[in-house]
Amino acid sequence: KAVTADAGVPDSIAAALAQVSDEM
């Protein structure tokens, strides 16, 4: 699964990994 995120932006990386947990 591809998820776009910017590791240097806390809200971006946190939201992306939360999405991974929710969907996978």
mmCIF file of all heavy atoms, coordinates in Angstrom:
data_MODEL
# 
_entry.id   MODEL 
# 
loop_
_atom_site.group_PDB 
_atom_site.id 
_atom_site.type_symbol 
_atom_site.label_atom_id 
_atom_site.label_alt_id 
_atom_site.label_comp_id 
_atom_site.label_asym_id 
_atom_site.label_entity_id 
_atom_site.label_seq_id 
_atom_site.pdbx_PDB_ins_code 
_atom_site.Cartn_x 
_atom_site.Cartn_y 
_atom_site.Cartn_z 
_atom_site.occupancy 
_atom_site.B_iso_or_equiv 
_atom_site.pdbx_formal_charge 
_atom_site.auth_seq_id 
_atom_site.auth_comp_id 
_atom_site.auth_asym_id 
_atom_site.auth_atom_id 
_atom_site.pdbx_PDB_model_num 
ATOM 1   N N   . LYS A 1 1  ? 0.846  -1.187 0.000  1.00 0.00 ? 1  LYS A N   1 
ATOM 2   C CA  . LYS A 1 1  ? 0.000  0.000  0.000  1.00 0.00 ? 1  LYS A CA  1 
ATOM 3   C C   . LYS A 1 1  ? 0.880  1.235  0.000  1.00 0.00 ? 1  LYS A C   1 
ATOM 4   O O   . LYS A 1 1  ? 1.806  1.339  0.809  1.00 0.00 ? 1  LYS A O   1 
ATOM 5   C CB  . LYS A 1 1  ? -0.917 0.018  1.224  1.00 0.00 ? 1  LYS A CB  1 
ATOM 6   C CG  . LYS A 1 1  ? -1.853 1.226  1.288  1.00 0.00 ? 1  LYS A CG  1 
ATOM 7   C CD  . LYS A 1 1  ? -2.789 1.134  2.463  1.00 0.00 ? 1  LYS A CD  1 
ATOM 8   C CE  . LYS A 1 1  ? -3.773 2.305  2.466  1.00 0.00 ? 1  LYS A CE  1 
ATOM 9   N NZ  . LYS A 1 1  ? -4.635 2.316  1.264  1.00 0.00 ? 1  LYS A NZ  1 
ATOM 10  N N   . ALA A 1 2  ? 0.609  2.172  -0.882 1.00 0.00 ? 2  ALA A N   1 
ATOM 11  C CA  . ALA A 1 2  ? 1.355  3.415  -0.968 1.00 0.00 ? 2  ALA A CA  1 
ATOM 12  C C   . ALA A 1 2  ? 0.614  4.506  -0.214 1.00 0.00 ? 2  ALA A C   1 
ATOM 13  O O   . ALA A 1 2  ? -0.595 4.692  -0.404 1.00 0.00 ? 2  ALA A O   1 
ATOM 14  C CB  . ALA A 1 2  ? 1.534  3.824  -2.435 1.00 0.00 ? 2  ALA A CB  1 
ATOM 15  N N   . VAL A 1 3  ? 1.329  5.211  0.649  1.00 0.00 ? 3  VAL A N   1 
ATOM 16  C CA  . VAL A 1 3  ? 0.739  6.303  1.427  1.00 0.00 ? 3  VAL A CA  1 
ATOM 17  C C   . VAL A 1 3  ? 1.686  7.490  1.354  1.00 0.00 ? 3  VAL A C   1 
ATOM 18  O O   . VAL A 1 3  ? 2.842  7.393  1.763  1.00 0.00 ? 3  VAL A O   1 
ATOM 19  C CB  . VAL A 1 3  ? 0.525  5.897  2.904  1.00 0.00 ? 3  VAL A CB  1 
ATOM 20  C CG1 . VAL A 1 3  ? -0.142 7.036  3.667  1.00 0.00 ? 3  VAL A CG1 1 
ATOM 21  C CG2 . VAL A 1 3  ? -0.310 4.628  3.012  1.00 0.00 ? 3  VAL A CG2 1 
ATOM 22  N N   . THR A 1 4  ? 1.217  8.610  0.854  1.00 0.00 ? 4  THR A N   1 
ATOM 23  C CA  . THR A 1 4  ? 2.065  9.790  0.777  1.00 0.00 ? 4  THR A CA  1 
ATOM 24  C C   . THR A 1 4  ? 2.178  10.442 2.157  1.00 0.00 ? 4  THR A C   1 
ATOM 25  O O   . THR A 1 4  ? 1.202  10.554 2.891  1.00 0.00 ? 4  THR A O   1 
ATOM 26  C CB  . THR A 1 4  ? 1.523  10.809 -0.234 1.00 0.00 ? 4  THR A CB  1 
ATOM 27  O OG1 . THR A 1 4  ? 0.178  11.138 0.102  1.00 0.00 ? 4  THR A OG1 1 
ATOM 28  C CG2 . THR A 1 4  ? 1.567  10.238 -1.640 1.00 0.00 ? 4  THR A CG2 1 
ATOM 29  N N   . ALA A 1 5  ? 3.373  10.855 2.500  1.00 0.00 ? 5  ALA A N   1 
ATOM 30  C CA  . ALA A 1 5  ? 3.617  11.483 3.792  1.00 0.00 ? 5  ALA A CA  1 
ATOM 31  C C   . ALA A 1 5  ? 4.947  12.205 3.747  1.00 0.00 ? 5  ALA A C   1 
ATOM 32  O O   . ALA A 1 5  ? 5.850  11.835 2.993  1.00 0.00 ? 5  ALA A O   1 
ATOM 33  C CB  . ALA A 1 5  ? 3.631  10.436 4.901  1.00 0.00 ? 5  ALA A CB  1 
ATOM 34  N N   . ASP A 1 6  ? 5.064  13.227 4.576  1.00 0.00 ? 6  ASP A N   1 
ATOM 35  C CA  . ASP A 1 6  ? 6.315  13.969 4.722  1.00 0.00 ? 6  ASP A CA  1 
ATOM 36  C C   . ASP A 1 6  ? 6.844  13.685 6.122  1.00 0.00 ? 6  ASP A C   1 
ATOM 37  O O   . ASP A 1 6  ? 6.248  14.099 7.120  1.00 0.00 ? 6  ASP A O   1 
ATOM 38  C CB  . ASP A 1 6  ? 6.062  15.463 4.539  1.00 0.00 ? 6  ASP A CB  1 
ATOM 39  C CG  . ASP A 1 6  ? 7.349  16.282 4.502  1.00 0.00 ? 6  ASP A CG  1 
ATOM 40  O OD1 . ASP A 1 6  ? 8.368  15.818 5.059  1.00 0.00 ? 6  ASP A OD1 1 
ATOM 41  O OD2 . ASP A 1 6  ? 7.328  17.387 3.929  1.00 0.00 ? 6  ASP A OD2 1 
ATOM 42  N N   . ALA A 1 7  ? 7.965  12.973 6.197  1.00 0.00 ? 7  ALA A N   1 
ATOM 43  C CA  . ALA A 1 7  ? 8.506  12.573 7.495  1.00 0.00 ? 7  ALA A CA  1 
ATOM 44  C C   . ALA A 1 7  ? 8.911  13.764 8.351  1.00 0.00 ? 7  ALA A C   1 
ATOM 45  O O   . ALA A 1 7  ? 9.006  13.640 9.578  1.00 0.00 ? 7  ALA A O   1 
ATOM 46  C CB  . ALA A 1 7  ? 9.707  11.648 7.294  1.00 0.00 ? 7  ALA A CB  1 
ATOM 47  N N   . GLY A 1 8  ? 9.138  14.908 7.742  1.00 0.00 ? 8  GLY A N   1 
ATOM 48  C CA  . GLY A 1 8  ? 9.547  16.083 8.493  1.00 0.00 ? 8  GLY A CA  1 
ATOM 49  C C   . GLY A 1 8  ? 8.395  16.889 9.058  1.00 0.00 ? 8  GLY A C   1 
ATOM 50  O O   . GLY A 1 8  ? 8.612  17.894 9.736  1.00 0.00 ? 8  GLY A O   1 
ATOM 51  N N   . VAL A 1 9  ? 7.173  16.455 8.801  1.00 0.00 ? 9  VAL A N   1 
ATOM 52  C CA  . VAL A 1 9  ? 5.978  17.150 9.292  1.00 0.00 ? 9  VAL A CA  1 
ATOM 53  C C   . VAL A 1 9  ? 5.240  16.202 10.233 1.00 0.00 ? 9  VAL A C   1 
ATOM 54  O O   . VAL A 1 9  ? 4.660  15.207 9.780  1.00 0.00 ? 9  VAL A O   1 
ATOM 55  C CB  . VAL A 1 9  ? 5.059  17.573 8.127  1.00 0.00 ? 9  VAL A CB  1 
ATOM 56  C CG1 . VAL A 1 9  ? 3.809  18.276 8.648  1.00 0.00 ? 9  VAL A CG1 1 
ATOM 57  C CG2 . VAL A 1 9  ? 5.813  18.476 7.156  1.00 0.00 ? 9  VAL A CG2 1 
ATOM 58  N N   . PRO A 1 10 ? 5.267  16.454 11.528 1.00 0.00 ? 10 PRO A N   1 
ATOM 59  C CA  . PRO A 1 10 ? 4.699  15.500 12.493 1.00 0.00 ? 10 PRO A CA  1 
ATOM 60  C C   . PRO A 1 10 ? 3.274  15.056 12.187 1.00 0.00 ? 10 PRO A C   1 
ATOM 61  O O   . PRO A 1 10 ? 2.971  13.856 12.232 1.00 0.00 ? 10 PRO A O   1 
ATOM 62  C CB  . PRO A 1 10 ? 4.787  16.276 13.817 1.00 0.00 ? 10 PRO A CB  1 
ATOM 63  C CG  . PRO A 1 10 ? 5.967  17.163 13.649 1.00 0.00 ? 10 PRO A CG  1 
ATOM 64  C CD  . PRO A 1 10 ? 5.929  17.592 12.208 1.00 0.00 ? 10 PRO A CD  1 
ATOM 65  N N   . ASP A 1 11 ? 2.392  15.994 11.873 1.00 0.00 ? 11 ASP A N   1 
ATOM 66  C CA  . ASP A 1 11 ? 0.997  15.613 11.606 1.00 0.00 ? 11 ASP A CA  1 
ATOM 67  C C   . ASP A 1 11 ? 0.894  14.711 10.383 1.00 0.00 ? 11 ASP A C   1 
ATOM 68  O O   . ASP A 1 11 ? 0.047  13.808 10.336 1.00 0.00 ? 11 ASP A O   1 
ATOM 69  C CB  . ASP A 1 11 ? 0.141  16.862 11.393 1.00 0.00 ? 11 ASP A CB  1 
ATOM 70  C CG  . ASP A 1 11 ? -0.105 17.629 12.684 1.00 0.00 ? 11 ASP A CG  1 
ATOM 71  O OD1 . ASP A 1 11 ? 0.170  17.072 13.767 1.00 0.00 ? 11 ASP A OD1 1 
ATOM 72  O OD2 . ASP A 1 11 ? -0.574 18.782 12.608 1.00 0.00 ? 11 ASP A OD2 1 
ATOM 73  N N   . SER A 1 12 ? 1.757  14.924 9.400  1.00 0.00 ? 12 SER A N   1 
ATOM 74  C CA  . SER A 1 12 ? 1.719  14.134 8.170  1.00 0.00 ? 12 SER A CA  1 
ATOM 75  C C   . SER A 1 12 ? 2.121  12.689 8.428  1.00 0.00 ? 12 SER A C   1 
ATOM 76  O O   . SER A 1 12 ? 1.426  11.757 8.023  1.00 0.00 ? 12 SER A O   1 
ATOM 77  C CB  . SER A 1 12 ? 2.637  14.759 7.114  1.00 0.00 ? 12 SER A CB  1 
ATOM 78  O OG  . SER A 1 12 ? 2.688  13.966 5.944  1.00 0.00 ? 12 SER A OG  1 
ATOM 79  N N   . ILE A 1 13 ? 3.242  12.493 9.112  1.00 0.00 ? 13 ILE A N   1 
ATOM 80  C CA  . ILE A 1 13 ? 3.709  11.125 9.340  1.00 0.00 ? 13 ILE A CA  1 
ATOM 81  C C   . ILE A 1 13 ? 2.809  10.394 10.321 1.00 0.00 ? 13 ILE A C   1 
ATOM 82  O O   . ILE A 1 13 ? 2.536  9.196  10.166 1.00 0.00 ? 13 ILE A O   1 
ATOM 83  C CB  . ILE A 1 13 ? 5.190  11.120 9.802  1.00 0.00 ? 13 ILE A CB  1 
ATOM 84  C CG1 . ILE A 1 13 ? 5.764  9.714  9.783  1.00 0.00 ? 13 ILE A CG1 1 
ATOM 85  C CG2 . ILE A 1 13 ? 5.367  11.743 11.153 1.00 0.00 ? 13 ILE A CG2 1 
ATOM 86  C CD1 . ILE A 1 13 ? 5.874  9.087  8.422  1.00 0.00 ? 13 ILE A CD1 1 
ATOM 87  N N   . ALA A 1 14 ? 2.290  11.089 11.329 1.00 0.00 ? 14 ALA A N   1 
ATOM 88  C CA  . ALA A 1 14 ? 1.396  10.451 12.295 1.00 0.00 ? 14 ALA A CA  1 
ATOM 89  C C   . ALA A 1 14 ? 0.096  10.026 11.623 1.00 0.00 ? 14 ALA A C   1 
ATOM 90  O O   . ALA A 1 14 ? -0.397 8.909  11.845 1.00 0.00 ? 14 ALA A O   1 
ATOM 91  C CB  . ALA A 1 14 ? 1.115  11.403 13.456 1.00 0.00 ? 14 ALA A CB  1 
ATOM 92  N N   . ALA A 1 15 ? -0.457 10.900 10.783 1.00 0.00 ? 15 ALA A N   1 
ATOM 93  C CA  . ALA A 1 15 ? -1.703 10.570 10.097 1.00 0.00 ? 15 ALA A CA  1 
ATOM 94  C C   . ALA A 1 15 ? -1.513 9.413  9.122  1.00 0.00 ? 15 ALA A C   1 
ATOM 95  O O   . ALA A 1 15 ? -2.375 8.531  8.997  1.00 0.00 ? 15 ALA A O   1 
ATOM 96  C CB  . ALA A 1 15 ? -2.227 11.802 9.362  1.00 0.00 ? 15 ALA A CB  1 
ATOM 97  N N   . ALA A 1 16 ? -0.380 9.406  8.428  1.00 0.00 ? 16 ALA A N   1 
ATOM 98  C CA  . ALA A 1 16 ? -0.124 8.331  7.460  1.00 0.00 ? 16 ALA A CA  1 
ATOM 99  C C   . ALA A 1 16 ? -0.015 6.979  8.153  1.00 0.00 ? 16 ALA A C   1 
ATOM 100 O O   . ALA A 1 16 ? -0.575 5.974  7.683  1.00 0.00 ? 16 ALA A O   1 
ATOM 101 C CB  . ALA A 1 16 ? 1.152  8.639  6.688  1.00 0.00 ? 16 ALA A CB  1 
ATOM 102 N N   . LEU A 1 17 ? 0.701  6.924  9.265  1.00 0.00 ? 17 LEU A N   1 
ATOM 103 C CA  . LEU A 1 17 ? 0.853  5.645  9.971  1.00 0.00 ? 17 LEU A CA  1 
ATOM 104 C C   . LEU A 1 17 ? -0.444 5.231  10.646 1.00 0.00 ? 17 LEU A C   1 
ATOM 105 O O   . LEU A 1 17 ? -0.743 4.023  10.757 1.00 0.00 ? 17 LEU A O   1 
ATOM 106 C CB  . LEU A 1 17 ? 1.988  5.751  10.985 1.00 0.00 ? 17 LEU A CB  1 
ATOM 107 C CG  . LEU A 1 17 ? 3.386  5.765  10.360 1.00 0.00 ? 17 LEU A CG  1 
ATOM 108 C CD1 . LEU A 1 17 ? 4.439  6.147  11.393 1.00 0.00 ? 17 LEU A CD1 1 
ATOM 109 C CD2 . LEU A 1 17 ? 3.719  4.405  9.749  1.00 0.00 ? 17 LEU A CD2 1 
ATOM 110 N N   . ALA A 1 18 ? -1.250 6.191  11.086 1.00 0.00 ? 18 ALA A N   1 
ATOM 111 C CA  . ALA A 1 18 ? -2.571 5.852  11.623 1.00 0.00 ? 18 ALA A CA  1 
ATOM 112 C C   . ALA A 1 18 ? -3.449 5.260  10.529 1.00 0.00 ? 18 ALA A C   1 
ATOM 113 O O   . ALA A 1 18 ? -4.210 4.303  10.766 1.00 0.00 ? 18 ALA A O   1 
ATOM 114 C CB  . ALA A 1 18 ? -3.215 7.098  12.224 1.00 0.00 ? 18 ALA A CB  1 
ATOM 115 N N   . GLN A 1 19 ? -3.331 5.808  9.323  1.00 0.00 ? 19 GLN A N   1 
ATOM 116 C CA  . GLN A 1 19 ? -4.083 5.261  8.189  1.00 0.00 ? 19 GLN A CA  1 
ATOM 117 C C   . GLN A 1 19 ? -3.654 3.832  7.889  1.00 0.00 ? 19 GLN A C   1 
ATOM 118 O O   . GLN A 1 19 ? -4.497 2.960  7.616  1.00 0.00 ? 19 GLN A O   1 
ATOM 119 C CB  . GLN A 1 19 ? -3.869 6.139  6.959  1.00 0.00 ? 19 GLN A CB  1 
ATOM 120 C CG  . GLN A 1 19 ? -4.570 5.627  5.699  1.00 0.00 ? 19 GLN A CG  1 
ATOM 121 C CD  . GLN A 1 19 ? -4.217 6.439  4.460  1.00 0.00 ? 19 GLN A CD  1 
ATOM 122 O OE1 . GLN A 1 19 ? -3.702 7.566  4.554  1.00 0.00 ? 19 GLN A OE1 1 
ATOM 123 N NE2 . GLN A 1 19 ? -4.475 5.886  3.289  1.00 0.00 ? 19 GLN A NE2 1 
ATOM 124 N N   . VAL A 1 20 ? -2.360 3.584  7.946  1.00 0.00 ? 20 VAL A N   1 
ATOM 125 C CA  . VAL A 1 20 ? -1.856 2.227  7.718  1.00 0.00 ? 20 VAL A CA  1 
ATOM 126 C C   . VAL A 1 20 ? -2.459 1.261  8.728  1.00 0.00 ? 20 VAL A C   1 
ATOM 127 O O   . VAL A 1 20 ? -2.933 0.178  8.376  1.00 0.00 ? 20 VAL A O   1 
ATOM 128 C CB  . VAL A 1 20 ? -0.317 2.209  7.807  1.00 0.00 ? 20 VAL A CB  1 
ATOM 129 C CG1 . VAL A 1 20 ? 0.196  0.766  7.807  1.00 0.00 ? 20 VAL A CG1 1 
ATOM 130 C CG2 . VAL A 1 20 ? 0.296  2.982  6.653  1.00 0.00 ? 20 VAL A CG2 1 
ATOM 131 N N   . SER A 1 21 ? -2.458 1.632  9.986  1.00 0.00 ? 21 SER A N   1 
ATOM 132 C CA  . SER A 1 21 ? -3.002 0.759  11.033 1.00 0.00 ? 21 SER A CA  1 
ATOM 133 C C   . SER A 1 21 ? -4.491 0.520  10.822 1.00 0.00 ? 21 SER A C   1 
ATOM 134 O O   . SER A 1 21 ? -4.985 -0.603 10.998 1.00 0.00 ? 21 SER A O   1 
ATOM 135 C CB  . SER A 1 21 ? -2.752 1.377  12.416 1.00 0.00 ? 21 SER A CB  1 
ATOM 136 O OG  . SER A 1 21 ? -1.376 1.449  12.685 1.00 0.00 ? 21 SER A OG  1 
ATOM 137 N N   . ASP A 1 22 ? -5.225 1.579  10.453 1.00 0.00 ? 22 ASP A N   1 
ATOM 138 C CA  . ASP A 1 22 ? -6.671 1.448  10.251 1.00 0.00 ? 22 ASP A CA  1 
ATOM 139 C C   . ASP A 1 22 ? -7.008 0.550  9.070  1.00 0.00 ? 22 ASP A C   1 
ATOM 140 O O   . ASP A 1 22 ? -7.953 -0.235 9.117  1.00 0.00 ? 22 ASP A O   1 
ATOM 141 C CB  . ASP A 1 22 ? -7.298 2.832  10.027 1.00 0.00 ? 22 ASP A CB  1 
ATOM 142 C CG  . ASP A 1 22 ? -7.309 3.683  11.287 1.00 0.00 ? 22 ASP A CG  1 
ATOM 143 O OD1 . ASP A 1 22 ? -7.148 3.112  12.389 1.00 0.00 ? 22 ASP A OD1 1 
ATOM 144 O OD2 . ASP A 1 22 ? -7.464 4.910  11.164 1.00 0.00 ? 22 ASP A OD2 1 
ATOM 145 N N   . GLU A 1 23 ? -6.236 0.653  7.995  1.00 0.00 ? 23 GLU A N   1 
ATOM 146 C CA  . GLU A 1 23 ? -6.573 -0.036 6.754  1.00 0.00 ? 23 GLU A CA  1 
ATOM 147 C C   . GLU A 1 23 ? -5.870 -1.379 6.578  1.00 0.00 ? 23 GLU A C   1 
ATOM 148 O O   . GLU A 1 23 ? -6.372 -2.246 5.852  1.00 0.00 ? 23 GLU A O   1 
ATOM 149 C CB  . GLU A 1 23 ? -6.249 0.866  5.563  1.00 0.00 ? 23 GLU A CB  1 
ATOM 150 C CG  . GLU A 1 23 ? -7.067 2.158  5.558  1.00 0.00 ? 23 GLU A CG  1 
ATOM 151 C CD  . GLU A 1 23 ? -6.747 3.061  4.379  1.00 0.00 ? 23 GLU A CD  1 
ATOM 152 O OE1 . GLU A 1 23 ? -5.926 2.660  3.524  1.00 0.00 ? 23 GLU A OE1 1 
ATOM 153 O OE2 . GLU A 1 23 ? -7.319 4.159  4.318  1.00 0.00 ? 23 GLU A OE2 1 
ATOM 154 N N   . MET A 1 24 ? -4.728 -1.571 7.241  1.00 0.00 ? 24 MET A N   1 
ATOM 155 C CA  . MET A 1 24 ? -3.973 -2.808 7.056  1.00 0.00 ? 24 MET A CA  1 
ATOM 156 C C   . MET A 1 24 ? -3.829 -3.623 8.336  1.00 0.00 ? 24 MET A C   1 
ATOM 157 O O   . MET A 1 24 ? -3.600 -4.822 8.286  1.00 0.00 ? 24 MET A O   1 
ATOM 158 C CB  . MET A 1 24 ? -2.579 -2.494 6.501  1.00 0.00 ? 24 MET A CB  1 
ATOM 159 C CG  . MET A 1 24 ? -2.579 -1.767 5.176  1.00 0.00 ? 24 MET A CG  1 
ATOM 160 S SD  . MET A 1 24 ? -0.892 -1.411 4.570  1.00 0.00 ? 24 MET A SD  1 
ATOM 161 C CE  . MET A 1 24 ? -0.357 -3.044 4.058  1.00 0.00 ? 24 MET A CE  1 
# 
